[in-house]
Structures are given as C-alpha cells and as structure tokens.
C-alpha cells in the first residue's frame, strides 16, 4: 500500500474527488479545517 499510494510519512491523509483522482495530500497531520476545506474543494479542481 505504501508504494502504490506513494506514502512517504505517517500520518498521511489523502482526499480524492468523485472521479477517484487525487485532489489533495497531506504528508503530515493536517488541521481539521484544512481537511474540510480540501474535501469541499475536491470536485472544484480539474483533474
């Protein structure tokens, strides 16, 4: 799993859009507000 998702550190949080594309990755523990913002914006990004 680590190689497939290119996880370099833990904790690792990844947000994917509704098409299954990576929208945002946090390599260190993010603030809750940053995760919520990334989830809300996931489908707004092209990708």
PDB file of N, CA and C in Angstrom:
ATOM      1  N   UNK A   1       0.822  -1.180   0.000  1.00  0.00           N
ATOM      2  CA  UNK A   1       0.000   0.000   0.000  1.00  0.00           C
ATOM      3  C   UNK A   1       0.875   1.256   0.000  1.00  0.00           C
ATOM      4  N   UNK A   2       1.951   1.210   0.730  1.00  0.00           N
ATOM      5  CA  UNK A   2       2.822   2.379   0.811  1.00  0.00           C
ATOM      6  C   UNK A   2       3.387   2.747  -0.564  1.00  0.00           C
ATOM      7  N   UNK A   3       3.829   1.778  -1.322  1.00  0.00           N
ATOM      8  CA  UNK A   3       4.389   2.058  -2.649  1.00  0.00           C
ATOM      9  C   UNK A   3       3.305   2.483  -3.638  1.00  0.00           C
ATOM     10  N   UNK A   4       2.163   1.817  -3.593  1.00  0.00           N
ATOM     11  CA  UNK A   4       1.080   2.108  -4.531  1.00  0.00           C
ATOM     12  C   UNK A   4       0.595   3.552  -4.399  1.00  0.00           C
ATOM     13  N   UNK A   5       0.388   4.004  -3.172  1.00  0.00           N
ATOM     14  CA  UNK A   5      -0.114   5.353  -2.940  1.00  0.00           C
ATOM     15  C   UNK A   5       0.994   6.378  -2.735  1.00  0.00           C
ATOM     16  N   UNK A   6       2.263   5.928  -2.829  1.00  0.00           N
ATOM     17  CA  UNK A   6       3.429   6.808  -2.676  1.00  0.00           C
ATOM     18  C   UNK A   6       3.437   7.509  -1.321  1.00  0.00           C
ATOM     19  N   UNK A   7       3.128   6.749  -0.287  1.00  0.00           N
ATOM     20  CA  UNK A   7       3.114   7.285   1.070  1.00  0.00           C
ATOM     21  C   UNK A   7       4.543   7.337   1.577  1.00  0.00           C
ATOM     22  N   UNK A   8       4.985   8.521   1.954  1.00  0.00           N
ATOM     23  CA  UNK A   8       6.346   8.695   2.437  1.00  0.00           C
ATOM     24  C   UNK A   8       6.415   8.829   3.948  1.00  0.00           C
ATOM     25  N   UNK A   9       5.368   9.329   4.562  1.00  0.00           N
ATOM     26  CA  UNK A   9       5.349   9.533   6.005  1.00  0.00           C
ATOM     27  C   UNK A   9       3.978   9.162   6.555  1.00  0.00           C
ATOM     28  N   UNK A  10       3.901   9.012   7.852  1.00  0.00           N
ATOM     29  CA  UNK A  10       2.609   8.818   8.501  1.00  0.00           C
ATOM     30  C   UNK A  10       2.509   9.812   9.641  1.00  0.00           C
ATOM     31  N   UNK A  11       1.380  10.326   9.986  1.00  0.00           N
ATOM     32  CA  UNK A  11       0.116  10.030   9.307  1.00  0.00           C
ATOM     33  C   UNK A  11       0.082  10.647   7.917  1.00  0.00           C
ATOM     34  N   UNK A  12      -0.698  10.062   7.039  1.00  0.00           N
ATOM     35  CA  UNK A  12      -0.844  10.520   5.662  1.00  0.00           C
ATOM     36  C   UNK A  12      -2.333  10.589   5.368  1.00  0.00           C
ATOM     37  N   UNK A  13      -2.802  11.740   4.955  1.00  0.00           N
ATOM     38  CA  UNK A  13      -4.218  11.926   4.648  1.00  0.00           C
ATOM     39  C   UNK A  13      -4.328  12.325   3.187  1.00  0.00           C
ATOM     40  N   UNK A  14      -5.171  11.620   2.457  1.00  0.00           N
ATOM     41  CA  UNK A  14      -5.381  11.921   1.045  1.00  0.00           C
ATOM     42  C   UNK A  14      -6.870  12.155   0.802  1.00  0.00           C
ATOM     43  N   UNK A  15      -7.169  13.145  -0.020  1.00  0.00           N
ATOM     44  CA  UNK A  15      -8.548  13.468  -0.387  1.00  0.00           C
ATOM     45  C   UNK A  15      -8.672  13.246  -1.897  1.00  0.00           C
ATOM     46  N   UNK A  16      -9.670  12.446  -2.271  1.00  0.00           N
ATOM     47  CA  UNK A  16      -9.919  12.154  -3.680  1.00  0.00           C
ATOM     48  C   UNK A  16     -11.237  12.784  -4.099  1.00  0.00           C
ATOM     49  N   UNK A  17     -11.336  13.150  -5.379  1.00  0.00           N
ATOM     50  CA  UNK A  17     -12.590  13.714  -5.868  1.00  0.00           C
ATOM     51  C   UNK A  17     -13.551  12.589  -6.232  1.00  0.00           C
ATOM     52  N   UNK A  18     -14.725  12.933  -6.701  1.00  0.00           N
ATOM     53  CA  UNK A  18     -15.744  11.922  -7.003  1.00  0.00           C
ATOM     54  C   UNK A  18     -15.373  11.059  -8.206  1.00  0.00           C
ATOM     55  N   UNK A  19     -14.363  11.455  -8.969  1.00  0.00           N
ATOM     56  CA  UNK A  19     -13.882  10.656 -10.091  1.00  0.00           C
ATOM     57  C   UNK A  19     -12.730   9.745  -9.698  1.00  0.00           C
ATOM     58  N   UNK A  20     -12.359   9.754  -8.417  1.00  0.00           N
ATOM     59  CA  UNK A  20     -11.277   8.905  -7.942  1.00  0.00           C
ATOM     60  C   UNK A  20      -9.891   9.465  -8.166  1.00  0.00           C
ATOM     61  N   UNK A  21      -9.801  10.723  -8.515  1.00  0.00           N
ATOM     62  CA  UNK A  21      -8.499  11.376  -8.730  1.00  0.00           C
ATOM     63  C   UNK A  21      -8.046  12.049  -7.443  1.00  0.00           C
ATOM     64  N   UNK A  22      -6.754  11.964  -7.179  1.00  0.00           N
ATOM     65  CA  UNK A  22      -6.193  12.611  -6.005  1.00  0.00           C
ATOM     66  C   UNK A  22      -6.378  14.119  -6.114  1.00  0.00           C
ATOM     67  N   UNK A  23      -6.965  14.701  -5.103  1.00  0.00           N
ATOM     68  CA  UNK A  23      -7.212  16.130  -5.088  1.00  0.00           C
ATOM     69  C   UNK A  23      -6.212  16.852  -4.190  1.00  0.00           C
ATOM     70  N   UNK A  24      -5.949  16.282  -3.020  1.00  0.00           N
ATOM     71  CA  UNK A  24      -5.041  16.915  -2.055  1.00  0.00           C
ATOM     72  C   UNK A  24      -4.446  15.837  -1.167  1.00  0.00           C
ATOM     73  N   UNK A  25      -3.146  15.942  -0.895  1.00  0.00           N
ATOM     74  CA  UNK A  25      -2.481  15.015   0.018  1.00  0.00           C
ATOM     75  C   UNK A  25      -1.780  15.816   1.104  1.00  0.00           C
ATOM     76  N   UNK A  26      -1.926  15.350   2.309  1.00  0.00           N
ATOM     77  CA  UNK A  26      -1.271  15.967   3.458  1.00  0.00           C
ATOM     78  C   UNK A  26      -0.204  14.991   3.942  1.00  0.00           C
ATOM     79  N   UNK A  27       1.035  15.361   3.879  1.00  0.00           N
ATOM     80  CA  UNK A  27       2.125  14.469   4.268  1.00  0.00           C
ATOM     81  C   UNK A  27       2.340  14.442   5.773  1.00  0.00           C
ATOM     82  N   UNK A  28       1.810  15.416   6.469  1.00  0.00           N
ATOM     83  CA  UNK A  28       1.884  15.448   7.927  1.00  0.00           C
ATOM     84  C   UNK A  28       0.471  15.645   8.451  1.00  0.00           C
ATOM     85  N   UNK A  29       0.300  15.513   9.738  1.00  0.00           N
ATOM     86  CA  UNK A  29      -1.035  15.629  10.320  1.00  0.00           C
ATOM     87  C   UNK A  29      -1.621  17.014  10.054  1.00  0.00           C
ATOM     88  N   UNK A  30      -2.715  17.079   9.294  1.00  0.00           N
ATOM     89  CA  UNK A  30      -3.318  18.365   8.971  1.00  0.00           C
ATOM     90  C   UNK A  30      -4.274  18.831  10.066  1.00  0.00           C
ATOM     91  N   UNK A  31      -4.573  20.096  10.027  1.00  0.00           N
ATOM     92  CA  UNK A  31      -5.621  20.651  10.884  1.00  0.00           C
ATOM     93  C   UNK A  31      -6.968  20.226  10.300  1.00  0.00           C
ATOM     94  N   UNK A  32      -7.952  20.038  11.152  1.00  0.00           N
ATOM     95  CA  UNK A  32      -9.279  19.606  10.713  1.00  0.00           C
ATOM     96  C   UNK A  32      -9.847  20.572   9.672  1.00  0.00           C
ATOM     97  N   UNK A  33      -9.690  21.857   9.900  1.00  0.00           N
ATOM     98  CA  UNK A  33     -10.201  22.854   8.963  1.00  0.00           C
ATOM     99  C   UNK A  33      -9.593  22.725   7.580  1.00  0.00           C
ATOM    100  N   UNK A  34      -8.319  22.360   7.514  1.00  0.00           N
ATOM    101  CA  UNK A  34      -7.657  22.175   6.219  1.00  0.00           C
ATOM    102  C   UNK A  34      -8.204  20.959   5.481  1.00  0.00           C
ATOM    103  N   UNK A  35      -8.506  19.898   6.219  1.00  0.00           N
ATOM    104  CA  UNK A  35      -9.088  18.706   5.597  1.00  0.00           C
ATOM    105  C   UNK A  35     -10.493  19.013   5.085  1.00  0.00           C
ATOM    106  N   UNK A  36     -11.290  19.690   5.890  1.00  0.00           N
ATOM    107  CA  UNK A  36     -12.646  20.052   5.460  1.00  0.00           C
ATOM    108  C   UNK A  36     -12.621  20.922   4.217  1.00  0.00           C
ATOM    109  N   UNK A  37     -11.720  21.870   4.178  1.00  0.00           N
ATOM    110  CA  UNK A  37     -11.580  22.745   3.011  1.00  0.00           C
ATOM    111  C   UNK A  37     -11.198  21.926   1.769  1.00  0.00           C
ATOM    112  N   UNK A  38     -10.285  20.984   1.926  1.00  0.00           N
ATOM    113  CA  UNK A  38      -9.861  20.141   0.804  1.00  0.00           C
ATOM    114  C   UNK A  38     -11.008  19.276   0.297  1.00  0.00           C
ATOM    115  N   UNK A  39     -11.826  18.748   1.213  1.00  0.00           N
ATOM    116  CA  UNK A  39     -12.966  17.928   0.809  1.00  0.00           C
ATOM    117  C   UNK A  39     -13.987  18.769   0.047  1.00  0.00           C
ATOM    118  N   UNK A  40     -14.256  19.958   0.547  1.00  0.00           N
ATOM    119  CA  UNK A  40     -15.227  20.835  -0.119  1.00  0.00           C
ATOM    120  C   UNK A  40     -14.757  21.251  -1.506  1.00  0.00           C
ATOM    121  N   UNK A  41     -13.440  21.387  -1.676  1.00  0.00           N
ATOM    122  CA  UNK A  41     -12.885  21.840  -2.949  1.00  0.00           C
ATOM    123  C   UNK A  41     -12.495  20.702  -3.892  1.00  0.00           C
ATOM    124  N   UNK A  42     -12.618  19.461  -3.472  1.00  0.00           N
ATOM    125  CA  UNK A  42     -12.138  18.329  -4.252  1.00  0.00           C
ATOM    126  C   UNK A  42     -12.722  18.271  -5.654  1.00  0.00           C
ATOM    127  N   UNK A  43     -13.998  18.510  -5.786  1.00  0.00           N
ATOM    128  CA  UNK A  43     -14.620  18.429  -7.117  1.00  0.00           C
ATOM    129  C   UNK A  43     -14.564  19.750  -7.886  1.00  0.00           C
ATOM    130  N   UNK A  44     -14.058  20.779  -7.268  1.00  0.00           N
ATOM    131  CA  UNK A  44     -13.917  22.047  -7.966  1.00  0.00           C
ATOM    132  C   UNK A  44     -12.654  22.086  -8.802  1.00  0.00           C
ATOM    133  N   UNK A  45     -11.670  21.244  -8.438  1.00  0.00           N
ATOM    134  CA  UNK A  45     -10.398  21.210  -9.159  1.00  0.00           C
ATOM    135  C   UNK A  45     -10.542  20.340 -10.391  1.00  0.00           C
ATOM    136  N   UNK A  46      -9.856  20.706 -11.432  1.00  0.00           N
ATOM    137  CA  UNK A  46      -9.845  19.881 -12.640  1.00  0.00           C
ATOM    138  C   UNK A  46      -8.798  18.811 -12.450  1.00  0.00           C
ATOM    139  N   UNK A  47      -9.061  17.638 -12.962  1.00  0.00           N
ATOM    140  CA  UNK A  47      -8.062  16.591 -12.801  1.00  0.00           C
ATOM    141  C   UNK A  47      -8.564  15.302 -13.074  1.00  0.00           C
TER     142      UNK A  47
END
